[in-house]
């Protein structure tokens, strides 16, 4: 039955277990039994010490695994049990010093590993080395961390390694994290901007033409142009009365709060305005989506019309 507050020692990680058990004994007021000898004590003090010694020894015995407990068969005091375990397993841990140092100085960031994960591995190795009385200077920790970083950190590494005096490990970690955050800002992407601009506010299809870029009551399949009296197009796209504002009968119109250059070329005087107008609705959709890509020119052929419609736009000031 092991101590519920600490893991039972099974022969691995002795110094980690030793530190935890030391803290447990200190909290119970029993650590002095291991660190001091009984000298010049009264009979009452001897009895009190003996009671504490038995408690400490009981904690030690019940905190090791079955295949370890035989090392404590002859222990008659907590101090003797502690020293026996330290001689047996502490010496073995010291043999791992070379292995731990090799891991430390060969540290490298894994692919897709985060900076915080790398720092945690560095600190863990340094902690394990400290358990076997092998302390790593802060300067060495900084050097190991900078060397472990991939080429994407080259610029900030160059700056940090030239600093005088050598910065502390914590300040280096903060600088690296700040550099990483600057390289990966949480800004809205171009794709999401384009998606937002090109999205229509109308979620239901028009019952007259099946399109989504307008309300059914505003459909130009049933609504006549106020300029020419014909169906199929909004007045701002009407050719009647076009005084030649620009080459090829071009005109500037305002659409969804942006200034649009609308150019129609090779226009015909066909009476089939209704068929050509439905193509206009398609073209209006294309002009709308073009706002997500400045300086875009759109050209589309209308198989129902004899001519070709060409649209371009340039962004002006918002009218709202």
Protein backbone atom coordinates (compact mmCIF):
# COMPACT_ATOMS: atom_id res chain seq x y z
CA UNK A 1 0.00 0.00 0.00
CA UNK A 2 1.73 3.15 -1.19
CA UNK A 3 1.38 6.71 -0.05
CA UNK A 4 -1.63 8.22 -1.83
CA UNK A 5 0.00 11.65 -2.16
CA UNK A 6 3.13 10.55 -4.03
CA UNK A 7 3.87 7.88 -6.62
CA UNK A 8 5.43 4.66 -5.35
CA UNK A 9 9.13 4.37 -6.18
CA UNK A 10 9.75 1.54 -8.66
CA UNK A 11 13.45 2.04 -9.32
CA UNK A 12 13.02 4.78 -11.94
CA UNK A 13 13.28 8.53 -11.31
CA UNK A 14 14.78 8.23 -7.86
CA UNK A 15 15.64 11.89 -7.36
CA UNK A 16 12.18 13.06 -8.38
CA UNK A 17 10.61 10.63 -5.93
CA UNK A 18 13.16 11.57 -3.25
CA UNK A 19 12.28 15.27 -3.46
CA UNK A 20 8.56 14.56 -3.26
CA UNK A 21 8.98 12.25 -0.27
CA UNK A 22 11.18 14.81 1.45
CA UNK A 23 8.40 17.38 1.11
CA UNK A 24 5.87 14.91 2.47
CA UNK A 25 8.02 14.17 5.53
CA UNK A 26 8.56 17.87 6.14
CA UNK A 27 4.84 18.51 6.08
CA UNK A 28 4.37 15.74 8.64
CA UNK A 29 7.09 17.25 10.85
CA UNK A 30 9.30 14.17 10.41
CA UNK A 31 12.17 15.41 8.22
CA UNK A 32 14.38 16.28 11.21
CA UNK A 33 14.44 12.58 12.13
CA UNK A 34 16.49 11.93 8.98
CA UNK A 35 18.75 14.98 9.13
CA UNK A 36 19.67 14.99 12.85
CA UNK A 37 21.11 12.54 15.38
CA UNK A 38 19.77 11.83 18.84
CA UNK A 39 22.16 13.46 21.32
CA UNK A 40 21.72 14.50 24.95
CA UNK A 41 18.00 13.84 24.97
CA UNK A 42 15.82 13.34 27.99
CA UNK A 43 13.81 10.19 28.40
CA UNK A 44 10.69 12.00 27.27
CA UNK A 45 12.45 13.39 24.18
CA UNK A 46 13.79 9.93 23.33
CA UNK A 47 10.28 8.49 23.46
CA UNK A 48 8.95 11.30 21.25
CA UNK A 49 11.77 10.88 18.77
CA UNK A 50 11.25 7.13 18.66
CA UNK A 51 7.58 7.64 17.82
CA UNK A 52 8.46 10.04 15.00
CA UNK A 53 11.17 7.70 13.72
CA UNK A 54 8.70 4.83 13.46
CA UNK A 55 6.24 7.01 11.54
CA UNK A 56 8.94 8.17 9.11
CA UNK A 57 10.23 4.63 8.58
CA UNK A 58 6.68 3.41 7.96
CA UNK A 59 6.18 6.08 5.29
CA UNK A 60 9.44 5.12 3.57
CA UNK A 61 8.68 1.39 3.56
CA UNK A 62 5.16 1.86 2.19
CA UNK A 63 6.37 4.27 -0.51
CA UNK A 64 8.51 1.78 -2.45
CA UNK A 65 7.45 -1.02 -4.80
CA UNK A 66 7.58 -4.71 -3.86
CA UNK A 67 10.72 -5.38 -5.89
CA UNK A 68 12.50 -2.49 -4.10
CA UNK A 69 11.43 -3.14 -0.54
CA UNK A 70 14.03 -5.87 0.07
CA UNK A 71 16.67 -3.12 0.16
CA UNK A 72 15.10 -1.96 3.44
CA UNK A 73 14.91 -5.36 5.16
CA UNK A 74 17.64 -4.50 7.65
CA UNK A 75 16.76 -0.85 8.18
CA UNK A 76 15.90 -0.09 11.81
CA UNK A 77 15.47 3.67 11.49
CA UNK A 78 14.13 6.14 8.96
CA UNK A 79 17.58 7.69 8.54
CA UNK A 80 19.14 4.30 7.81
CA UNK A 81 16.43 3.48 5.24
CA UNK A 82 16.86 6.87 3.56
CA UNK A 83 20.63 6.52 3.29
CA UNK A 84 20.33 2.95 1.97
CA UNK A 85 18.04 4.04 -0.86
CA UNK A 86 20.27 7.01 -1.64
CA UNK A 87 23.40 4.85 -1.88
CA UNK A 88 21.68 2.25 -4.03
CA UNK A 89 19.67 4.35 -6.44
CA UNK A 90 21.30 7.75 -6.15
CA UNK A 91 24.55 6.34 -7.53
CA UNK A 92 22.71 4.82 -10.49
CA UNK A 93 21.10 8.17 -11.24
CA UNK A 94 24.49 9.83 -11.37
CA UNK A 95 25.43 7.46 -14.17
CA UNK A 96 22.68 9.09 -16.24
CA UNK A 97 24.38 12.49 -16.08
CA UNK A 98 26.10 11.96 -19.43
CA UNK A 99 22.87 10.77 -21.01
CA UNK A 100 20.93 13.78 -19.75
CA UNK A 101 23.63 16.19 -20.89
CA UNK A 102 23.63 14.62 -24.33
CA UNK A 103 19.88 15.12 -24.53
CA UNK A 104 20.20 18.70 -23.34
CA UNK A 105 22.93 19.81 -25.72
CA UNK A 106 21.36 17.92 -28.61
CA UNK A 107 17.96 19.52 -28.07
CA UNK A 108 16.11 20.52 -31.26
CA UNK A 109 12.58 21.63 -32.01
CA UNK A 110 10.41 18.93 -33.55
CA UNK A 111 8.42 19.57 -36.71
CA UNK A 112 5.16 21.35 -35.81
CA UNK A 113 6.26 21.61 -32.15
CA UNK A 114 5.26 24.77 -30.30
CA UNK A 115 7.75 27.08 -28.63
CA UNK A 116 6.23 26.40 -25.21
CA UNK A 117 6.67 22.65 -25.68
CA UNK A 118 10.35 23.10 -26.55
CA UNK A 119 10.89 25.32 -23.50
CA UNK A 120 9.21 22.74 -21.26
CA UNK A 121 11.53 20.00 -22.53
CA UNK A 122 14.55 22.22 -21.89
CA UNK A 123 13.47 23.00 -18.33
CA UNK A 124 12.64 19.36 -17.61
CA UNK A 125 16.14 18.22 -18.59
CA UNK A 126 17.73 20.96 -16.48
CA UNK A 127 15.58 19.97 -13.52
CA UNK A 128 16.55 16.31 -13.84
CA UNK A 129 20.22 17.30 -13.92
CA UNK A 130 19.79 19.45 -10.83
CA UNK A 131 18.48 16.41 -8.93
CA UNK A 132 21.87 14.78 -9.37
CA UNK A 133 23.68 17.97 -8.41
CA UNK A 134 24.53 18.97 -11.96
CA UNK A 135 23.46 22.59 -12.30
CA UNK A 136 23.20 24.27 -15.72
CA UNK A 137 24.00 28.00 -15.86
CA UNK A 138 21.38 30.35 -17.28
CA UNK A 139 23.76 31.37 -20.08
CA UNK A 140 24.04 27.74 -21.16
CA UNK A 141 20.26 27.35 -21.11
CA UNK A 142 19.95 30.39 -23.41
CA UNK A 143 22.55 28.96 -25.79
CA UNK A 144 20.82 25.56 -25.88
CA UNK A 145 17.41 27.13 -26.56
CA UNK A 146 18.64 29.37 -29.39
CA UNK A 147 20.53 26.47 -30.98
CA UNK A 148 17.42 24.27 -30.82
CA UNK A 149 15.31 26.65 -32.93
CA UNK A 150 14.73 26.06 -36.68
CA UNK A 151 15.79 28.45 -39.45
CA UNK A 152 12.48 30.32 -39.30
CA UNK A 153 13.78 31.96 -36.12
CA UNK A 154 17.15 32.96 -37.61
CA UNK A 155 16.52 36.73 -37.55
CA UNK A 156 15.50 36.94 -33.90
CA UNK A 157 18.23 34.45 -32.91
CA UNK A 158 20.86 36.68 -34.53
CA UNK A 159 19.59 39.68 -32.57
CA UNK A 160 19.45 37.84 -29.24
CA UNK A 161 22.86 36.19 -29.43
CA UNK A 162 24.53 39.55 -30.08
CA UNK A 163 23.00 41.18 -27.01
CA UNK A 164 25.25 42.35 -24.19
CA UNK A 165 24.98 41.41 -21.42
CA UNK A 166 23.59 38.00 -22.23
CA UNK A 167 19.83 38.10 -21.60
CA UNK A 168 18.20 35.81 -19.07
CA UNK A 169 16.38 32.69 -20.17
CA UNK A 170 12.97 34.17 -19.33
CA UNK A 171 13.63 37.37 -21.31
CA UNK A 172 14.75 35.29 -24.30
CA UNK A 173 11.58 33.19 -24.09
CA UNK A 174 9.47 36.37 -24.01
CA UNK A 175 11.30 37.82 -27.03
CA UNK A 176 10.87 34.60 -29.00
CA UNK A 177 7.17 34.44 -28.18
CA UNK A 178 6.65 38.07 -29.19
CA UNK A 179 8.47 37.47 -32.48
CA UNK A 180 6.30 34.42 -33.15
CA UNK A 181 3.11 36.38 -32.46
CA UNK A 182 4.20 39.15 -34.83
CA UNK A 183 4.76 36.61 -37.60
CA UNK A 184 1.38 34.98 -37.05
CA UNK A 185 -1.11 37.80 -36.38
CA UNK A 186 -4.74 36.83 -35.95
CA UNK A 187 -5.94 39.15 -38.70
CA UNK A 188 -8.77 38.54 -41.06
CA UNK A 189 -7.51 36.70 -44.13
CA UNK A 190 -8.00 37.89 -47.69
CA UNK A 191 -10.14 34.86 -48.33
CA UNK A 192 -12.54 35.70 -45.53
CA UNK A 193 -12.71 39.32 -46.69
CA UNK A 194 -13.55 38.21 -50.20
CA UNK A 195 -16.18 35.84 -48.87
CA UNK A 196 -17.78 38.63 -46.84
CA UNK A 197 -17.85 41.14 -49.70
CA UNK A 198 -19.19 38.71 -52.28
CA UNK A 199 -21.91 37.31 -50.01
CA UNK A 200 -25.38 38.53 -50.86
CA UNK A 201 -27.70 39.89 -48.21
CA UNK A 202 -30.60 38.12 -49.94
CA UNK A 203 -30.92 34.53 -48.80
CA UNK A 204 -34.04 33.60 -50.80
CA UNK A 205 -34.11 33.12 -54.56
CA UNK A 206 -36.21 35.48 -56.65
CA UNK A 207 -39.47 33.73 -57.60
CA UNK A 208 -39.35 35.27 -61.08
CA UNK A 209 -35.80 34.49 -62.22
CA UNK A 210 -34.39 32.23 -59.49
CA UNK A 211 -31.46 34.50 -58.68
CA UNK A 212 -30.29 35.62 -55.23
CA UNK A 213 -28.96 39.12 -55.87
CA UNK A 214 -32.26 40.94 -55.45
CA UNK A 215 -35.72 40.79 -53.95
CA UNK A 216 -38.59 39.36 -55.99
CA UNK A 217 -40.33 42.75 -55.94
CA UNK A 218 -37.22 44.36 -57.49
CA UNK A 219 -36.73 41.82 -60.27
CA UNK A 220 -36.25 43.50 -63.66
CA UNK A 221 -38.07 40.63 -65.33
CA UNK A 222 -41.29 42.29 -64.11
CA UNK A 223 -40.06 45.81 -63.41
CA UNK A 224 -39.67 48.20 -66.32
CA UNK A 225 -36.73 50.51 -66.76
CA UNK A 226 -37.77 54.12 -66.03
CA UNK A 227 -35.66 55.38 -68.96
CA UNK A 228 -36.70 53.14 -71.83
CA UNK A 229 -39.80 51.43 -70.49
CA UNK A 230 -38.44 47.97 -71.26
CA UNK A 231 -38.06 44.98 -68.99
CA UNK A 232 -34.85 43.28 -68.03
CA UNK A 233 -32.39 45.87 -66.74
CA UNK A 234 -32.00 48.57 -64.08
CA UNK A 235 -32.01 52.20 -65.24
CA UNK A 236 -28.32 52.68 -64.44
CA UNK A 237 -27.50 50.01 -67.05
CA UNK A 238 -29.85 51.42 -69.68
CA UNK A 239 -28.28 52.55 -72.99
CA UNK A 240 -31.04 55.00 -73.81
CA UNK A 241 -29.91 58.56 -73.47
CA UNK A 242 -26.28 57.54 -72.96
CA UNK A 243 -24.41 60.63 -73.85
CA UNK A 244 -21.14 58.84 -74.34
CA UNK A 245 -19.77 59.17 -70.86
CA UNK A 246 -16.46 57.57 -71.60
CA UNK A 247 -15.26 55.41 -74.46
CA UNK A 248 -17.61 52.82 -75.94
CA UNK A 249 -20.57 54.32 -74.13
CA UNK A 250 -19.00 53.68 -70.72
CA UNK A 251 -20.61 55.06 -67.60
CA UNK A 252 -19.85 55.14 -63.90
CA UNK A 253 -22.51 53.85 -61.56
CA UNK A 254 -22.76 53.25 -57.86
CA UNK A 255 -23.36 49.65 -56.84
CA UNK A 256 -23.55 48.40 -53.21
CA UNK A 257 -21.81 51.53 -51.97
CA UNK A 258 -18.88 51.32 -54.45
CA UNK A 259 -18.16 53.23 -57.67
CA UNK A 260 -18.34 50.90 -60.67
CA UNK A 261 -17.15 51.58 -64.22
CA UNK A 262 -19.64 49.87 -66.52
CA UNK A 263 -18.64 49.58 -70.16
CA UNK A 264 -20.79 48.00 -72.84
CA UNK A 265 -19.34 47.42 -76.25
CA UNK A 266 -20.64 45.88 -79.45
CA UNK A 267 -24.18 46.62 -78.29
CA UNK A 268 -27.03 45.89 -80.64
CA UNK A 269 -30.44 47.41 -81.05
CA UNK A 270 -32.20 44.09 -80.89
CA UNK A 271 -35.67 44.12 -79.42
CA UNK A 272 -34.86 41.00 -77.47
CA UNK A 273 -34.13 43.08 -74.34
CA UNK A 274 -35.65 40.53 -72.00
CA UNK A 275 -33.15 37.83 -72.93
CA UNK A 276 -30.23 40.23 -72.80
CA UNK A 277 -31.39 41.59 -69.46
CA UNK A 278 -31.21 38.20 -67.75
CA UNK A 279 -27.60 38.06 -68.81
CA UNK A 280 -27.24 41.51 -67.24
CA UNK A 281 -28.36 40.07 -63.92
CA UNK A 282 -25.61 37.47 -64.19
CA UNK A 283 -23.12 40.20 -64.98
CA UNK A 284 -24.26 42.24 -61.97
CA UNK A 285 -23.49 39.24 -59.79
CA UNK A 286 -20.03 39.07 -61.35
CA UNK A 287 -19.45 42.77 -60.70
CA UNK A 288 -20.54 42.27 -57.09
CA UNK A 289 -18.11 39.42 -56.52
CA UNK A 290 -15.35 41.36 -58.22
CA UNK A 291 -15.15 43.75 -55.25
CA UNK A 292 -13.13 41.13 -53.38
CA UNK A 293 -10.38 41.46 -56.00
CA UNK A 294 -9.47 45.10 -56.79
CA UNK A 295 -8.57 46.08 -60.35
CA UNK A 296 -10.43 43.08 -61.74
CA UNK A 297 -11.84 43.18 -65.25
CA UNK A 298 -14.67 40.84 -66.11
CA UNK A 299 -15.76 39.87 -69.59
CA UNK A 300 -18.67 37.61 -70.39
CA UNK A 301 -20.36 36.53 -73.57
CA UNK A 302 -24.14 36.36 -73.75
CA UNK A 303 -25.21 33.55 -76.00
CA UNK A 304 -28.68 35.13 -76.33
CA UNK A 305 -27.39 38.51 -77.44
CA UNK A 306 -25.50 39.46 -80.55
CA UNK A 307 -22.93 41.55 -78.75
CA UNK A 308 -20.54 41.11 -75.84
CA UNK A 309 -20.88 42.82 -72.48
CA UNK A 310 -17.75 43.96 -70.71
CA UNK A 311 -17.56 45.23 -67.15
CA UNK A 312 -14.77 46.69 -65.09
CA UNK A 313 -14.79 48.45 -61.77
CA UNK A 314 -12.66 50.69 -59.68
CA UNK A 315 -13.25 51.35 -56.03
CA UNK A 316 -14.18 54.87 -55.06
CA UNK A 317 -15.32 56.37 -51.82
CA UNK A 318 -18.11 54.61 -49.99
CA UNK A 319 -21.36 56.50 -50.34
CA UNK A 320 -22.63 55.48 -46.89
